[in-house]
Amino acid sequence: PDIPQELKDKYSSEEWRLGTRIPFEKDIIHRFDWGEVEAQLAM
């Protein structure tokens, strides 16, 4: 079917693809059995 333009725009946008970065001071990384988690904290 035809795809709504706003849905195409969502996937091609830098905001969706790259996400929002925050200026963080603390970075915590741990691997669990189910996957890795990285927590960036802005203080």
PDB file of all heavy atoms in Angstrom:
ATOM      1  N   PRO A   1       0.819  -1.205   0.000  1.00  0.00           N
ATOM      2  CA  PRO A   1       0.000   0.000   0.000  1.00  0.00           C
ATOM      3  C   PRO A   1       0.856   1.260   0.000  1.00  0.00           C
ATOM      4  O   PRO A   1       2.062   1.211   0.268  1.00  0.00           O
ATOM      5  CB  PRO A   1      -0.797  -0.123   1.301  1.00  0.00           C
ATOM      6  CG  PRO A   1       0.117  -0.894   2.210  1.00  0.00           C
ATOM      7  CD  PRO A   1       0.834  -1.871   1.317  1.00  0.00           C
ATOM      8  N   ASP A   2       0.239   2.388  -0.294  1.00  0.00           N
ATOM      9  CA  ASP A   2       0.933   3.667  -0.206  1.00  0.00           C
ATOM     10  C   ASP A   2       1.232   3.982   1.259  1.00  0.00           C
ATOM     11  O   ASP A   2       0.410   3.736   2.145  1.00  0.00           O
ATOM     12  CB  ASP A   2       0.077   4.786  -0.804  1.00  0.00           C
ATOM     13  CG  ASP A   2      -0.095   4.634  -2.317  1.00  0.00           C
ATOM     14  OD1 ASP A   2       0.794   4.035  -2.951  1.00  0.00           O
ATOM     15  OD2 ASP A   2      -1.126   5.093  -2.849  1.00  0.00           O
ATOM     16  N   ILE A   3       2.405   4.538   1.504  1.00  0.00           N
ATOM     17  CA  ILE A   3       2.837   4.842   2.869  1.00  0.00           C
ATOM     18  C   ILE A   3       2.603   6.331   3.136  1.00  0.00           C
ATOM     19  O   ILE A   3       2.994   7.175   2.325  1.00  0.00           O
ATOM     20  CB  ILE A   3       4.331   4.533   3.057  1.00  0.00           C
ATOM     21  CG1 ILE A   3       4.682   3.163   2.467  1.00  0.00           C
ATOM     22  CG2 ILE A   3       4.709   4.585   4.525  1.00  0.00           C
ATOM     23  CD1 ILE A   3       6.167   2.940   2.315  1.00  0.00           C
ATOM     24  N   PRO A   4       2.004   6.692   4.259  1.00  0.00           N
ATOM     25  CA  PRO A   4       1.861   8.111   4.593  1.00  0.00           C
ATOM     26  C   PRO A   4       3.219   8.807   4.632  1.00  0.00           C
ATOM     27  O   PRO A   4       4.187   8.259   5.156  1.00  0.00           O
ATOM     28  CB  PRO A   4       1.212   8.087   5.979  1.00  0.00           C
ATOM     29  CG  PRO A   4       0.525   6.758   6.061  1.00  0.00           C
ATOM     30  CD  PRO A   4       1.386   5.811   5.269  1.00  0.00           C
ATOM     31  N   GLN A   5       3.285  10.018   4.093  1.00  0.00           N
ATOM     32  CA  GLN A   5       4.548  10.744   4.013  1.00  0.00           C
ATOM     33  C   GLN A   5       5.148  11.006   5.388  1.00  0.00           C
ATOM     34  O   GLN A   5       6.376  10.962   5.561  1.00  0.00           O
ATOM     35  CB  GLN A   5       4.340  12.074   3.273  1.00  0.00           C
ATOM     36  CG  GLN A   5       5.622  12.836   2.982  1.00  0.00           C
ATOM     37  CD  GLN A   5       6.587  12.054   2.106  1.00  0.00           C
ATOM     38  OE1 GLN A   5       6.189  11.490   1.089  1.00  0.00           O
ATOM     39  NE2 GLN A   5       7.855  12.021   2.475  1.00  0.00           N
ATOM     40  N   GLU A   6       4.297  11.253   6.387  1.00  0.00           N
ATOM     41  CA  GLU A   6       4.829  11.546   7.716  1.00  0.00           C
ATOM     42  C   GLU A   6       5.568  10.350   8.311  1.00  0.00           C
ATOM     43  O   GLU A   6       6.501  10.522   9.103  1.00  0.00           O
ATOM     44  CB  GLU A   6       3.715  12.002   8.669  1.00  0.00           C
ATOM     45  CG  GLU A   6       2.577  11.020   8.868  1.00  0.00           C
ATOM     46  CD  GLU A   6       1.404  11.271   7.921  1.00  0.00           C
ATOM     47  OE1 GLU A   6       1.645  11.834   6.832  1.00  0.00           O
ATOM     48  OE2 GLU A   6       0.275  10.918   8.296  1.00  0.00           O
ATOM     49  N   LEU A   7       5.176   9.146   7.915  1.00  0.00           N
ATOM     50  CA  LEU A   7       5.871   7.963   8.402  1.00  0.00           C
ATOM     51  C   LEU A   7       7.228   7.819   7.726  1.00  0.00           C
ATOM     52  O   LEU A   7       8.220   7.471   8.372  1.00  0.00           O
ATOM     53  CB  LEU A   7       5.002   6.724   8.147  1.00  0.00           C
ATOM     54  CG  LEU A   7       5.197   5.513   9.070  1.00  0.00           C
ATOM     55  CD1 LEU A   7       5.130   5.913  10.534  1.00  0.00           C
ATOM     56  CD2 LEU A   7       4.160   4.444   8.754  1.00  0.00           C
ATOM     57  N   LYS A   8       7.306   8.124   6.435  1.00  0.00           N
ATOM     58  CA  LYS A   8       8.598   8.131   5.741  1.00  0.00           C
ATOM     59  C   LYS A   8       9.514   9.185   6.347  1.00  0.00           C
ATOM     60  O   LYS A   8      10.705   8.950   6.560  1.00  0.00           O
ATOM     61  CB  LYS A   8       8.401   8.429   4.253  1.00  0.00           C
ATOM     62  CG  LYS A   8       7.613   7.400   3.476  1.00  0.00           C
ATOM     63  CD  LYS A   8       7.515   7.844   2.019  1.00  0.00           C
ATOM     64  CE  LYS A   8       6.589   6.981   1.201  1.00  0.00           C
ATOM     65  NZ  LYS A   8       6.470   7.451  -0.200  1.00  0.00           N
ATOM     66  N   ASP A   9       8.934  10.359   6.620  1.00  0.00           N
ATOM     67  CA  ASP A   9       9.725  11.454   7.197  1.00  0.00           C
ATOM     68  C   ASP A   9      10.282  11.077   8.567  1.00  0.00           C
ATOM     69  O   ASP A   9      11.410  11.445   8.915  1.00  0.00           O
ATOM     70  CB  ASP A   9       8.876  12.721   7.316  1.00  0.00           C
ATOM     71  CG  ASP A   9       8.496  13.295   5.957  1.00  0.00           C
ATOM     72  OD1 ASP A   9       9.143  12.939   4.958  1.00  0.00           O
ATOM     73  OD2 ASP A   9       7.541  14.102   5.906  1.00  0.00           O
ATOM     74  N   LYS A  10       9.495  10.360   9.344  1.00  0.00           N
ATOM     75  CA  LYS A  10       9.943   9.936  10.675  1.00  0.00           C
ATOM     76  C   LYS A  10      11.211   9.103  10.566  1.00  0.00           C
ATOM     77  O   LYS A  10      12.212   9.377  11.263  1.00  0.00           O
ATOM     78  CB  LYS A  10       8.845   9.116  11.358  1.00  0.00           C
ATOM     79  CG  LYS A  10       9.317   8.313  12.580  1.00  0.00           C
ATOM     80  CD  LYS A  10       8.244   7.350  13.055  1.00  0.00           C
ATOM     81  CE  LYS A  10       8.813   6.308  14.001  1.00  0.00           C
ATOM     82  NZ  LYS A  10       7.780   5.358  14.476  1.00  0.00           N
ATOM     83  N   TYR A  11      11.200   8.083   9.714  1.00  0.00           N
ATOM     84  CA  TYR A  11      12.334   7.168   9.639  1.00  0.00           C
ATOM     85  C   TYR A  11      13.580   7.800   9.026  1.00  0.00           C
ATOM     86  O   TYR A  11      14.704   7.378   9.325  1.00  0.00           O
ATOM     87  CB  TYR A  11      11.947   5.899   8.881  1.00  0.00           C
ATOM     88  CG  TYR A  11      11.178   4.921   9.743  1.00  0.00           C
ATOM     89  CD1 TYR A  11       9.787   4.874   9.706  1.00  0.00           C
ATOM     90  CD2 TYR A  11      11.839   4.076  10.612  1.00  0.00           C
ATOM     91  CE1 TYR A  11       9.077   3.994  10.509  1.00  0.00           C
ATOM     92  CE2 TYR A  11      11.139   3.190  11.431  1.00  0.00           C
ATOM     93  CZ  TYR A  11       9.767   3.154  11.372  1.00  0.00           C
ATOM     94  OH  TYR A  11       9.071   2.286  12.182  1.00  0.00           O
ATOM     95  N   SER A  12      13.406   8.798   8.182  1.00  0.00           N
ATOM     96  CA  SER A  12      14.564   9.437   7.543  1.00  0.00           C
ATOM     97  C   SER A  12      15.113  10.600   8.353  1.00  0.00           C
ATOM     98  O   SER A  12      16.219  11.076   8.072  1.00  0.00           O
ATOM     99  CB  SER A  12      14.184   9.928   6.140  1.00  0.00           C
ATOM    100  OG  SER A  12      13.165  10.905   6.203  1.00  0.00           O
ATOM    101  N   SER A  13      14.394  11.042   9.383  1.00  0.00           N
ATOM    102  CA  SER A  13      14.820  12.217  10.142  1.00  0.00           C
ATOM    103  C   SER A  13      16.031  11.915  11.015  1.00  0.00           C
ATOM    104  O   SER A  13      16.180  10.811  11.552  1.00  0.00           O
ATOM    105  CB  SER A  13      13.672  12.727  11.024  1.00  0.00           C
ATOM    106  OG  SER A  13      13.417  11.823  12.087  1.00  0.00           O
ATOM    107  N   GLU A  14      16.900  12.906  11.167  1.00  0.00           N
ATOM    108  CA  GLU A  14      18.065  12.759  12.050  1.00  0.00           C
ATOM    109  C   GLU A  14      17.629  12.584  13.497  1.00  0.00           C
ATOM    110  O   GLU A  14      18.269  11.857  14.264  1.00  0.00           O
ATOM    111  CB  GLU A  14      18.990  13.971  11.929  1.00  0.00           C
ATOM    112  CG  GLU A  14      19.874  13.947  10.709  1.00  0.00           C
ATOM    113  CD  GLU A  14      21.132  14.785  10.888  1.00  0.00           C
ATOM    114  OE1 GLU A  14      21.310  15.375  11.964  1.00  0.00           O
ATOM    115  OE2 GLU A  14      21.940  14.835   9.934  1.00  0.00           O
ATOM    116  N   GLU A  15      16.549  13.231  13.886  1.00  0.00           N
ATOM    117  CA  GLU A  15      16.068  13.121  15.265  1.00  0.00           C
ATOM    118  C   GLU A  15      15.758  11.672  15.615  1.00  0.00           C
ATOM    119  O   GLU A  15      16.086  11.202  16.707  1.00  0.00           O
ATOM    120  CB  GLU A  15      14.823  13.989  15.453  1.00  0.00           C
ATOM    121  CG  GLU A  15      14.254  13.941  16.862  1.00  0.00           C
ATOM    122  CD  GLU A  15      13.008  14.781  17.007  1.00  0.00           C
ATOM    123  OE1 GLU A  15      12.530  15.320  15.998  1.00  0.00           O
ATOM    124  OE2 GLU A  15      12.504  14.884  18.140  1.00  0.00           O
ATOM    125  N   TRP A  16      15.116  10.944  14.691  1.00  0.00           N
ATOM    126  CA  TRP A  16      14.790   9.544  14.935  1.00  0.00           C
ATOM    127  C   TRP A  16      16.035   8.664  14.814  1.00  0.00           C
ATOM    128  O   TRP A  16      16.294   7.811  15.659  1.00  0.00           O
ATOM    129  CB  TRP A  16      13.714   9.079  13.960  1.00  0.00           C
ATOM    130  CG  TRP A  16      13.480   7.589  14.006  1.00  0.00           C
ATOM    131  CD1 TRP A  16      13.881   6.660  13.101  1.00  0.00           C
ATOM    132  CD2 TRP A  16      12.811   6.866  15.046  1.00  0.00           C
ATOM    133  NE1 TRP A  16      13.511   5.401  13.496  1.00  0.00           N
ATOM    134  CE2 TRP A  16      12.853   5.489  14.686  1.00  0.00           C
ATOM    135  CE3 TRP A  16      12.194   7.235  16.241  1.00  0.00           C
ATOM    136  CZ2 TRP A  16      12.292   4.494  15.484  1.00  0.00           C
ATOM    137  CZ3 TRP A  16      11.632   6.240  17.043  1.00  0.00           C
ATOM    138  CH2 TRP A  16      11.679   4.895  16.664  1.00  0.00           C
ATOM    139  N   ARG A  17      16.823   8.869  13.778  1.00  0.00           N
ATOM    140  CA  ARG A  17      17.952   7.982  13.498  1.00  0.00           C
ATOM    141  C   ARG A  17      19.078   8.131  14.512  1.00  0.00           C
ATOM    142  O   ARG A  17      19.654   7.148  14.965  1.00  0.00           O
ATOM    143  CB  ARG A  17      18.483   8.245  12.086  1.00  0.00           C
ATOM    144  CG  ARG A  17      17.505   7.878  10.984  1.00  0.00           C
ATOM    145  CD  ARG A  17      18.091   8.041   9.600  1.00  0.00           C
ATOM    146  NE  ARG A  17      18.475   9.414   9.314  1.00  0.00           N
ATOM    147  CZ  ARG A  17      19.722   9.838   9.176  1.00  0.00           C
ATOM    148  NH1 ARG A  17      20.731   8.992   9.302  1.00  0.00           N
ATOM    149  NH2 ARG A  17      19.987  11.103   8.909  1.00  0.00           N
ATOM    150  N   LEU A  18      19.400   9.361  14.878  1.00  0.00           N
ATOM    151  CA  LEU A  18      20.534   9.615  15.770  1.00  0.00           C
ATOM    152  C   LEU A  18      20.123   9.819  17.224  1.00  0.00           C
ATOM    153  O   LEU A  18      20.944   9.701  18.124  1.00  0.00           O
ATOM    154  CB  LEU A  18      21.325  10.830  15.278  1.00  0.00           C
ATOM    155  CG  LEU A  18      21.937  10.690  13.879  1.00  0.00           C
ATOM    156  CD1 LEU A  18      22.650  11.966  13.492  1.00  0.00           C
ATOM    157  CD2 LEU A  18      22.890   9.510  13.809  1.00  0.00           C
ATOM    158  N   GLY A  19      18.855  10.146  17.436  1.00  0.00           N
ATOM    159  CA  GLY A  19      18.372  10.328  18.796  1.00  0.00           C
ATOM    160  C   GLY A  19      18.820  11.651  19.391  1.00  0.00           C
ATOM    161  O   GLY A  19      19.481  12.471  18.754  1.00  0.00           O
ATOM    162  N   THR A  20      18.455  11.858  20.642  1.00  0.00           N
ATOM    163  CA  THR A  20      18.799  13.080  21.373  1.00  0.00           C
ATOM    164  C   THR A  20      19.978  12.809  22.298  1.00  0.00           C
ATOM    165  O   THR A  20      19.922  11.915  23.142  1.00  0.00           O
ATOM    166  CB  THR A  20      17.598  13.563  22.211  1.00  0.00           C
ATOM    167  OG1 THR A  20      16.476  13.776  21.341  1.00  0.00           O
ATOM    168  CG2 THR A  20      17.933  14.854  22.937  1.00  0.00           C
ATOM    169  N   ARG A  21      21.038  13.571  22.131  1.00  0.00           N
ATOM    170  CA  ARG A  21      22.217  13.414  22.992  1.00  0.00           C
ATOM    171  C   ARG A  21      22.140  14.413  24.141  1.00  0.00           C
ATOM    172  O   ARG A  21      21.716  15.552  23.959  1.00  0.00           O
ATOM    173  CB  ARG A  21      23.499  13.614  22.185  1.00  0.00           C
ATOM    174  CG  ARG A  21      23.616  12.693  20.987  1.00  0.00           C
ATOM    175  CD  ARG A  21      24.842  12.989  20.146  1.00  0.00           C
ATOM    176  NE  ARG A  21      26.066  12.458  20.741  1.00  0.00           N
ATOM    177  CZ  ARG A  21      27.265  12.538  20.172  1.00  0.00           C
ATOM    178  NH1 ARG A  21      27.412  13.156  19.001  1.00  0.00           N
ATOM    179  NH2 ARG A  21      28.325  12.031  20.746  1.00  0.00           N
ATOM    180  N   ILE A  22      22.565  13.974  25.314  1.00  0.00           N
ATOM    181  CA  ILE A  22      22.585  14.877  26.460  1.00  0.00           C
ATOM    182  C   ILE A  22      24.033  15.092  26.898  1.00  0.00           C
ATOM    183  O   ILE A  22      24.876  14.214  26.719  1.00  0.00           O
ATOM    184  CB  ILE A  22      21.744  14.326  27.635  1.00  0.00           C
ATOM    185  CG1 ILE A  22      22.361  13.030  28.180  1.00  0.00           C
ATOM    186  CG2 ILE A  22      20.296  14.110  27.226  1.00  0.00           C
ATOM    187  CD1 ILE A  22      21.734  12.537  29.474  1.00  0.00           C
ATOM    188  N   PRO A  23      24.350  16.261  27.477  1.00  0.00           N
ATOM    189  CA  PRO A  23      25.711  16.511  27.990  1.00  0.00           C
ATOM    190  C   PRO A  23      25.869  15.804  29.337  1.00  0.00           C
ATOM    191  O   PRO A  23      25.531  16.350  30.380  1.00  0.00           O
ATOM    192  CB  PRO A  23      25.746  18.034  28.144  1.00  0.00           C
ATOM    193  CG  PRO A  23      24.316  18.418  28.375  1.00  0.00           C
ATOM    194  CD  PRO A  23      23.473  17.430  27.620  1.00  0.00           C
ATOM    195  N   PHE A  24      26.363  14.591  29.327  1.00  0.00           N
ATOM    196  CA  PHE A  24      26.388  13.781  30.548  1.00  0.00           C
ATOM    197  C   PHE A  24      27.742  13.877  31.254  1.00  0.00           C
ATOM    198  O   PHE A  24      28.782  14.079  30.629  1.00  0.00           O
ATOM    199  CB  PHE A  24      26.053  12.320  30.224  1.00  0.00           C
ATOM    200  CG  PHE A  24      27.027  11.658  29.281  1.00  0.00           C
ATOM    201  CD1 PHE A  24      28.116  10.942  29.775  1.00  0.00           C
ATOM    202  CD2 PHE A  24      26.871  11.750  27.903  1.00  0.00           C
ATOM    203  CE1 PHE A  24      29.009  10.332  28.919  1.00  0.00           C
ATOM    204  CE2 PHE A  24      27.769  11.141  27.037  1.00  0.00           C
ATOM    205  CZ  PHE A  24      28.846  10.429  27.548  1.00  0.00           C
ATOM    206  N   GLU A  25      27.692  13.702  32.583  1.00  0.00           N
ATOM    207  CA  GLU A  25      28.907  13.681  33.398  1.00  0.00           C
ATOM    208  C   GLU A  25      29.273  12.271  33.848  1.00  0.00           C
ATOM    209  O   GLU A  25      30.442  11.996  34.154  1.00  0.00           O
ATOM    210  CB  GLU A  25      28.735  14.558  34.647  1.00  0.00           C
ATOM    211  CG  GLU A  25      28.768  16.054  34.381  1.00  0.00           C
ATOM    212  CD  GLU A  25      27.454  16.587  33.819  1.00  0.00           C
ATOM    213  OE1 GLU A  25      26.394  16.045  34.179  1.00  0.00           O
ATOM    214  OE2 GLU A  25      27.497  17.536  33.016  1.00  0.00           O
ATOM    215  N   LYS A  26      28.294  11.396  33.921  1.00  0.00           N
ATOM    216  CA  LYS A  26      28.537  10.037  34.402  1.00  0.00           C
ATOM    217  C   LYS A  26      28.028   9.034  33.374  1.00  0.00           C
ATOM    218  O   LYS A  26      26.943   9.205  32.812  1.00  0.00           O
ATOM    219  CB  LYS A  26      27.873   9.802  35.765  1.00  0.00           C
ATOM    220  CG  LYS A  26      28.389  10.759  36.833  1.00  0.00           C
ATOM    221  CD  LYS A  26      27.812  10.464  38.196  1.00  0.00           C
ATOM    222  CE  LYS A  26      28.292  11.500  39.222  1.00  0.00           C
ATOM    223  NZ  LYS A  26      29.749  11.471  39.393  1.00  0.00           N
ATOM    224  N   ASP A  27      28.824   7.982  33.140  1.00  0.00           N
ATOM    225  CA  ASP A  27      28.488   6.972  32.142  1.00  0.00           C
ATOM    226  C   ASP A  27      28.677   5.595  32.776  1.00  0.00           C
ATOM    227  O   ASP A  27      29.786   5.238  33.176  1.00  0.00           O
ATOM    228  CB  ASP A  27      29.401   7.132  30.915  1.00  0.00           C
ATOM    229  CG  ASP A  27      28.929   6.331  29.718  1.00  0.00           C
ATOM    230  OD1 ASP A  27      27.748   5.950  29.677  1.00  0.00           O
ATOM    231  OD2 ASP A  27      29.748   6.075  28.815  1.00  0.00           O
ATOM    232  N   ILE A  28      27.591   4.851  32.892  1.00  0.00           N
ATOM    233  CA  ILE A  28      27.612   3.541  33.542  1.00  0.00           C
ATOM    234  C   ILE A  28      27.216   2.489  32.513  1.00  0.00           C
ATOM    235  O   ILE A  28      26.176   2.616  31.860  1.00  0.00           O
ATOM    236  CB  ILE A  28      26.643   3.501  34.738  1.00  0.00           C
ATOM    237  CG1 ILE A  28      26.999   4.604  35.748  1.00  0.00           C
ATOM    238  CG2 ILE A  28      26.652   2.126  35.402  1.00  0.00           C
ATOM    239  CD1 ILE A  28      25.923   4.837  36.788  1.00  0.00           C
ATOM    240  N   ILE A  29      28.034   1.457  32.359  1.00  0.00           N
ATOM    241  CA  ILE A  29      27.769   0.411  31.370  1.00  0.00           C
ATOM    242  C   ILE A  29      27.842  -0.950  32.045  1.00  0.00           C
ATOM    243  O   ILE A  29      28.770  -1.234  32.827  1.00  0.00           O
ATOM    244  CB  ILE A  29      28.790   0.464  30.211  1.00  0.00           C
ATOM    245  CG1 ILE A  29      28.700   1.814  29.485  1.00  0.00           C
ATOM    246  CG2 ILE A  29      28.547  -0.670  29.217  1.00  0.00           C
ATOM    247  CD1 ILE A  29      29.785   2.023  28.442  1.00  0.00           C
ATOM    248  N   HIS A  30      26.856  -1.793  31.754  1.00  0.00           N
ATOM    249  CA  HIS A  30      26.850  -3.149  32.324  1.00  0.00           C
ATOM    250  C   HIS A  30      26.161  -4.095  31.350  1.00  0.00           C
ATOM    251  O   HIS A  30      25.171  -3.727  30.712  1.00  0.00           O
ATOM    252  CB  HIS A  30      26.101  -3.166  33.658  1.00  0.00           C
ATOM    253  CG  HIS A  30      26.078  -4.509  34.322  1.00  0.00           C
ATOM    254  ND1 HIS A  30      27.168  -5.033  34.977  1.00  0.00           N
ATOM    255  CD2 HIS A  30      25.100  -5.454  34.407  1.00  0.00           C
ATOM    256  CE1 HIS A  30      26.858  -6.220  35.458  1.00  0.00           C
ATOM    257  NE2 HIS A  30      25.614  -6.503  35.113  1.00  0.00           N
ATOM    258  N   ARG A  31      26.697  -5.312  31.229  1.00  0.00           N
ATOM    259  CA  ARG A  31      26.067  -6.329  30.387  1.00  0.00           C
ATOM    260  C   ARG A  31      25.350  -7.352  31.257  1.00  0.00           C
ATOM    261  O   ARG A  31      25.965  -8.003  32.103  1.00  0.00           O
ATOM    262  CB  ARG A  31      27.078  -7.030  29.475  1.00  0.00           C
ATOM    263  CG  ARG A  31      26.468  -8.194  28.685  1.00  0.00           C
ATOM    264  CD  ARG A  31      27.208  -8.506  27.425  1.00  0.00           C
ATOM    265  NE  ARG A  31      27.039  -7.462  26.417  1.00  0.00           N
ATOM    266  CZ  ARG A  31      25.974  -7.362  25.620  1.00  0.00           C
ATOM    267  NH1 ARG A  31      24.986  -8.225  25.714  1.00  0.00           N
ATOM    268  NH2 ARG A  31      25.913  -6.391  24.734  1.00  0.00           N
ATOM    269  N   PHE A  32      24.042  -7.470  31.038  1.00  0.00           N
ATOM    270  CA  PHE A  32      23.223  -8.490  31.673  1.00  0.00           C
ATOM    271  C   PHE A  32      23.122  -9.696  30.738  1.00  0.00           C
ATOM    272  O   PHE A  32      23.561  -9.639  29.590  1.00  0.00           O
ATOM    273  CB  PHE A  32      21.809  -7.944  31.935  1.00  0.00           C
ATOM    274  CG  PHE A  32      21.757  -6.786  32.896  1.00  0.00           C
ATOM    275  CD1 PHE A  32      21.787  -5.478  32.425  1.00  0.00           C
ATOM    276  CD2 PHE A  32      21.662  -6.999  34.262  1.00  0.00           C
ATOM    277  CE1 PHE A  32      21.718  -4.400  33.298  1.00  0.00           C
ATOM    278  CE2 PHE A  32      21.607  -5.929  35.147  1.00  0.00           C
ATOM    279  CZ  PHE A  32      21.631  -4.630  34.664  1.00  0.00           C
ATOM    280  N   ASP A  33      22.501 -10.767  31.219  1.00  0.00           N
ATOM    281  CA  ASP A  33      22.272 -11.932  30.369  1.00  0.00           C
ATOM    282  C   ASP A  33      21.382 -11.573  29.175  1.00  0.00           C
ATOM    283  O   ASP A  33      21.507 -12.154  28.102  1.00  0.00           O
ATOM    284  CB  ASP A  33      21.606 -13.062  31.169  1.00  0.00           C
ATOM    285  CG  ASP A  33      22.542 -13.665  32.198  1.00  0.00           C
ATOM    286  OD1 ASP A  33      23.769 -13.488  32.056  1.00  0.00           O
ATOM    287  OD2 ASP A  33      22.047 -14.311  33.146  1.00  0.00           O
ATOM    288  N   TRP A  34      20.496 -10.601  29.370  1.00  0.00           N
ATOM    289  CA  TRP A  34      19.514 -10.245  28.332  1.00  0.00           C
ATOM    290  C   TRP A  34      19.974  -9.080  27.452  1.00  0.00           C
ATOM    291  O   TRP A  34      19.256  -8.702  26.522  1.00  0.00           O
ATOM    292  CB  TRP A  34      18.164  -9.908  28.966  1.00  0.00           C
ATOM    293  CG  TRP A  34      18.230  -9.039  30.190  1.00  0.00           C
ATOM    294  CD1 TRP A  34      18.179  -9.446  31.486  1.00  0.00           C
ATOM    295  CD2 TRP A  34      18.364  -7.610  30.239  1.00  0.00           C
ATOM    296  NE1 TRP A  34      18.269  -8.370  32.339  1.00  0.00           N
ATOM    297  CE2 TRP A  34      18.377  -7.237  31.604  1.00  0.00           C
ATOM    298  CE3 TRP A  34      18.469  -6.609  29.268  1.00  0.00           C
ATOM    299  CZ2 TRP A  34      18.496  -5.911  32.016  1.00  0.00           C
ATOM    300  CZ3 TRP A  34      18.579  -5.289  29.661  1.00  0.00           C
ATOM    301  CH2 TRP A  34      18.592  -4.951  31.028  1.00  0.00           C
ATOM    302  N   GLY A  35      21.144  -8.516  27.718  1.00  0.00           N
ATOM    303  CA  GLY A  35      21.620  -7.416  26.880  1.00  0.00           C
ATOM    304  C   GLY A  35      22.441  -6.411  27.662  1.00  0.00           C
ATOM    305  O   GLY A  35      22.548  -6.472  28.894  1.00  0.00           O
ATOM    306  N   GLU A  36      23.022  -5.460  26.933  1.00  0.00           N
ATOM    307  CA  GLU A  36      23.848  -4.432  27.555  1.00  0.00           C
ATOM    308  C   GLU A  36      23.027  -3.167  27.788  1.00  0.00           C
ATOM    309  O   GLU A  36      22.140  -2.827  27.004  1.00  0.00           O
ATOM    310  CB  GLU A  36      25.034  -4.096  26.644  1.00  0.00           C
ATOM    311  CG  GLU A  36      26.017  -3.104  27.253  1.00  0.00           C
ATOM    312  CD  GLU A  36      27.243  -2.914  26.386  1.00  0.00           C
ATOM    313  OE1 GLU A  36      28.214  -3.661  26.567  1.00  0.00           O
ATOM    314  OE2 GLU A  36      27.210  -2.023  25.515  1.00  0.00           O
ATOM    315  N   VAL A  37      23.340  -2.481  28.892  1.00  0.00           N
ATOM    316  CA  VAL A  37      22.701  -1.200  29.201  1.00  0.00           C
ATOM    317  C   VAL A  37      23.783  -0.159  29.430  1.00  0.00           C
ATOM    318  O   VAL A  37      24.756  -0.408  30.142  1.00  0.00           O
ATOM    319  CB  VAL A  37      21.797  -1.295  30.454  1.00  0.00           C
ATOM    320  CG1 VAL A  37      21.264   0.093  30.831  1.00  0.00           C
ATOM    321  CG2 VAL A  37      20.642  -2.251  30.212  1.00  0.00           C
ATOM    322  N   GLU A  38      23.615   1.002  28.814  1.00  0.00           N
ATOM    323  CA  GLU A  38      24.470   2.157  29.067  1.00  0.00           C
ATOM    324  C   GLU A  38      23.593   3.267  29.634  1.00  0.00           C
ATOM    325  O   GLU A  38      22.565   3.610  29.039  1.00  0.00           O
ATOM    326  CB  GLU A  38      25.142   2.642  27.787  1.00  0.00           C
ATOM    327  CG  GLU A  38      26.017   3.879  27.997  1.00  0.00           C
ATOM    328  CD  GLU A  38      26.644   4.397  26.708  1.00  0.00           C
ATOM    329  OE1 GLU A  38      26.212   3.956  25.625  1.00  0.00           O
ATOM    330  OE2 GLU A  38      27.548   5.243  26.797  1.00  0.00           O
ATOM    331  N   ALA A  39      23.973   3.806  30.787  1.00  0.00           N
ATOM    332  CA  ALA A  39      23.234   4.894  31.422  1.00  0.00           C
ATOM    333  C   ALA A  39      24.099   6.145  31.431  1.00  0.00           C
ATOM    334  O   ALA A  39      25.155   6.167  32.069  1.00  0.00           O
ATOM    335  CB  ALA A  39      22.833   4.519  32.843  1.00  0.00           C
ATOM    336  N   GLN A  40      23.670   7.172  30.714  1.00  0.00           N
ATOM    337  CA  GLN A  40      24.353   8.459  30.715  1.00  0.00           C
ATOM    338  C   GLN A  40      23.571   9.416  31.620  1.00  0.00           C
ATOM    339  O   GLN A  40      22.369   9.622  31.403  1.00  0.00           O
ATOM    340  CB  GLN A  40      24.446   9.020  29.302  1.00  0.00           C
ATOM    341  CG  GLN A  40      25.303   8.178  28.369  1.00  0.00           C
ATOM    342  CD  GLN A  40      25.368   8.741  26.965  1.00  0.00           C
ATOM    343  OE1 GLN A  40      24.664   9.696  26.623  1.00  0.00           O
ATOM    344  NE2 GLN A  40      26.227   8.165  26.135  1.00  0.00           N
ATOM    345  N   LEU A  41      24.242   9.978  32.605  1.00  0.00           N
ATOM    346  CA  LEU A  41      23.581  10.841  33.594  1.00  0.00           C
ATOM    347  C   LEU A  41      24.120  12.262  33.504  1.00  0.00           C
ATOM    348  O   LEU A  41      25.334  12.484  33.583  1.00  0.00           O
ATOM    349  CB  LEU A  41      23.800  10.292  35.006  1.00  0.00           C
ATOM    350  CG  LEU A  41      23.431   8.821  35.252  1.00  0.00           C
ATOM    351  CD1 LEU A  41      23.746   8.432  36.683  1.00  0.00           C
ATOM    352  CD2 LEU A  41      21.964   8.573  34.939  1.00  0.00           C
ATOM    353  N   ALA A  42      23.216  13.213  33.363  1.00  0.00           N
ATOM    354  CA  ALA A  42      23.564  14.632  33.416  1.00  0.00           C
ATOM    355  C   ALA A  42      23.245  15.134  34.825  1.00  0.00           C
ATOM    356  O   ALA A  42      22.131  14.935  35.319  1.00  0.00           O
ATOM    357  CB  ALA A  42      22.764  15.411  32.375  1.00  0.00           C
ATOM    358  N   MET A  43      24.221  15.756  35.463  1.00  0.00           N
ATOM    359  CA  MET A  43      24.087  16.119  36.870  1.00  0.00           C
ATOM    360  C   MET A  43      23.856  17.619  37.061  1.00  0.00           C
ATOM    361  O   MET A  43      24.331  18.452  36.282  1.00  0.00           O
ATOM    362  CB  MET A  43      25.344  15.698  37.631  1.00  0.00           C
ATOM    363  CG  MET A  43      25.739  14.244  37.463  1.00  0.00           C
ATOM    364  SD  MET A  43      24.468  13.098  38.025  1.00  0.00           S
ATOM    365  CE  MET A  43      24.421  13.528  39.776  1.00  0.00           C
TER     366      MET A  43
END
